[in-house]
Amino acid sequence: MGFGDVEIMAAMGALLGVVAGAEAVIIAFWIACIVILPWYGIQKLRKKHVSNKIAFGPFLLVATYLVGIVGVSIFDLMITMVK
């Protein structure tokens, strides 16, 4: 992560609040894993060179949209799963 990602996370916290901002960061990590790991595996199977630098900002922005507009809440989901 670069400093631009930190700036985006600060804006997320200011826009969504601390708790929802933390939820958005967690969701961004999961979205990035779901997208990047299969892409990385396909590139390895094709024997193409895979860059070590992958932008994290788009994943943060998608997660901000999901939490802020759609209303996705990880903490509510975890509480529901425990019960």
Protein backbone atom coordinates (compact mmCIF):
# COMPACT_ATOMS: atom_id res chain seq x y z
CA MET A 1 0.00 0.00 0.00
CA GLY A 2 1.13 3.47 -0.81
CA PHE A 3 0.34 6.75 0.86
CA GLY A 4 -2.53 7.32 -1.57
CA ASP A 5 -4.32 4.33 -0.05
CA VAL A 6 -3.87 5.83 3.40
CA GLU A 7 -5.39 9.09 2.17
CA ILE A 8 -8.37 7.19 0.71
CA MET A 9 -8.83 5.36 4.02
CA ALA A 10 -8.80 8.68 5.89
CA ALA A 11 -11.47 10.01 3.54
CA MET A 12 -13.47 6.81 4.05
CA GLY A 13 -13.33 7.29 7.81
CA ALA A 14 -14.41 10.91 7.50
CA LEU A 15 -17.25 10.05 5.12
CA LEU A 16 -18.56 6.86 6.71
CA GLY A 17 -17.44 7.15 10.33
CA VAL A 18 -14.92 5.06 12.20
CA VAL A 19 -16.87 1.80 12.47
CA ALA A 20 -18.25 1.83 8.92
CA GLY A 21 -14.83 2.92 7.64
CA ALA A 22 -13.25 -0.09 9.33
CA GLU A 23 -15.92 -2.33 7.80
CA ALA A 24 -15.18 -0.87 4.37
CA VAL A 25 -11.44 -1.57 4.73
CA ILE A 26 -12.15 -5.19 5.72
CA ILE A 27 -14.52 -5.60 2.77
CA ALA A 28 -11.91 -4.06 0.45
CA PHE A 29 -9.33 -6.65 1.54
CA TRP A 30 -11.80 -9.49 0.90
CA ILE A 31 -12.80 -8.13 -2.51
CA ALA A 32 -9.13 -7.76 -3.43
CA CYS A 33 -8.43 -11.37 -2.41
CA ILE A 34 -11.41 -12.66 -4.37
CA VAL A 35 -10.35 -10.76 -7.51
CA ILE A 36 -6.55 -10.88 -7.39
CA LEU A 37 -5.86 -14.49 -6.36
CA PRO A 38 -7.68 -16.10 -9.33
CA TRP A 39 -6.22 -13.49 -11.68
CA TYR A 40 -2.73 -14.22 -10.35
CA GLY A 41 -3.25 -17.98 -10.78
CA ILE A 42 -4.48 -17.58 -14.36
CA GLN A 43 -1.49 -15.42 -15.22
CA LYS A 44 0.85 -18.05 -13.76
CA LEU A 45 -0.84 -20.82 -15.76
CA ARG A 46 -0.39 -18.76 -18.92
CA LYS A 47 3.25 -18.28 -17.87
CA LYS A 48 3.02 -14.53 -18.18
CA HIS A 49 4.97 -12.12 -16.03
CA VAL A 50 2.86 -10.93 -13.12
CA SER A 51 3.51 -7.47 -11.70
CA ASN A 52 4.09 -7.15 -7.97
CA LYS A 53 2.27 -3.81 -7.89
CA ILE A 54 -1.50 -3.95 -7.78
CA ALA A 55 -3.58 -0.87 -7.08
CA PHE A 56 -5.64 -1.16 -3.89
CA GLY A 57 -7.50 2.13 -4.33
CA PRO A 58 -10.23 0.75 -6.62
CA PHE A 59 -11.06 -1.95 -4.08
CA LEU A 60 -11.30 0.68 -1.34
CA LEU A 61 -13.67 2.74 -3.48
CA VAL A 62 -15.89 -0.25 -4.27
CA ALA A 63 -16.03 -1.15 -0.58
CA THR A 64 -16.89 2.45 0.31
CA TYR A 65 -19.76 2.31 -2.17
CA LEU A 66 -21.00 -1.00 -0.73
CA VAL A 67 -20.92 0.20 2.86
CA GLY A 68 -22.06 3.78 2.26
CA ILE A 69 -24.72 3.40 -0.43
CA VAL A 70 -25.81 -0.24 -0.34
CA GLY A 71 -25.52 -0.56 3.44
CA VAL A 72 -23.46 -3.75 3.68
CA SER A 73 -22.41 -4.40 7.28
CA ILE A 74 -19.88 -7.08 8.17
CA PHE A 75 -20.41 -6.75 11.91
CA ASP A 76 -24.16 -7.38 11.56
CA LEU A 77 -23.42 -10.38 9.35
CA MET A 78 -20.99 -11.82 11.93
CA ILE A 79 -23.51 -11.37 14.75
CA THR A 80 -26.16 -13.14 12.65
CA MET A 81 -23.79 -16.04 11.93
CA VAL A 82 -22.98 -16.51 15.63
CA LYS A 83 -26.61 -16.72 16.70
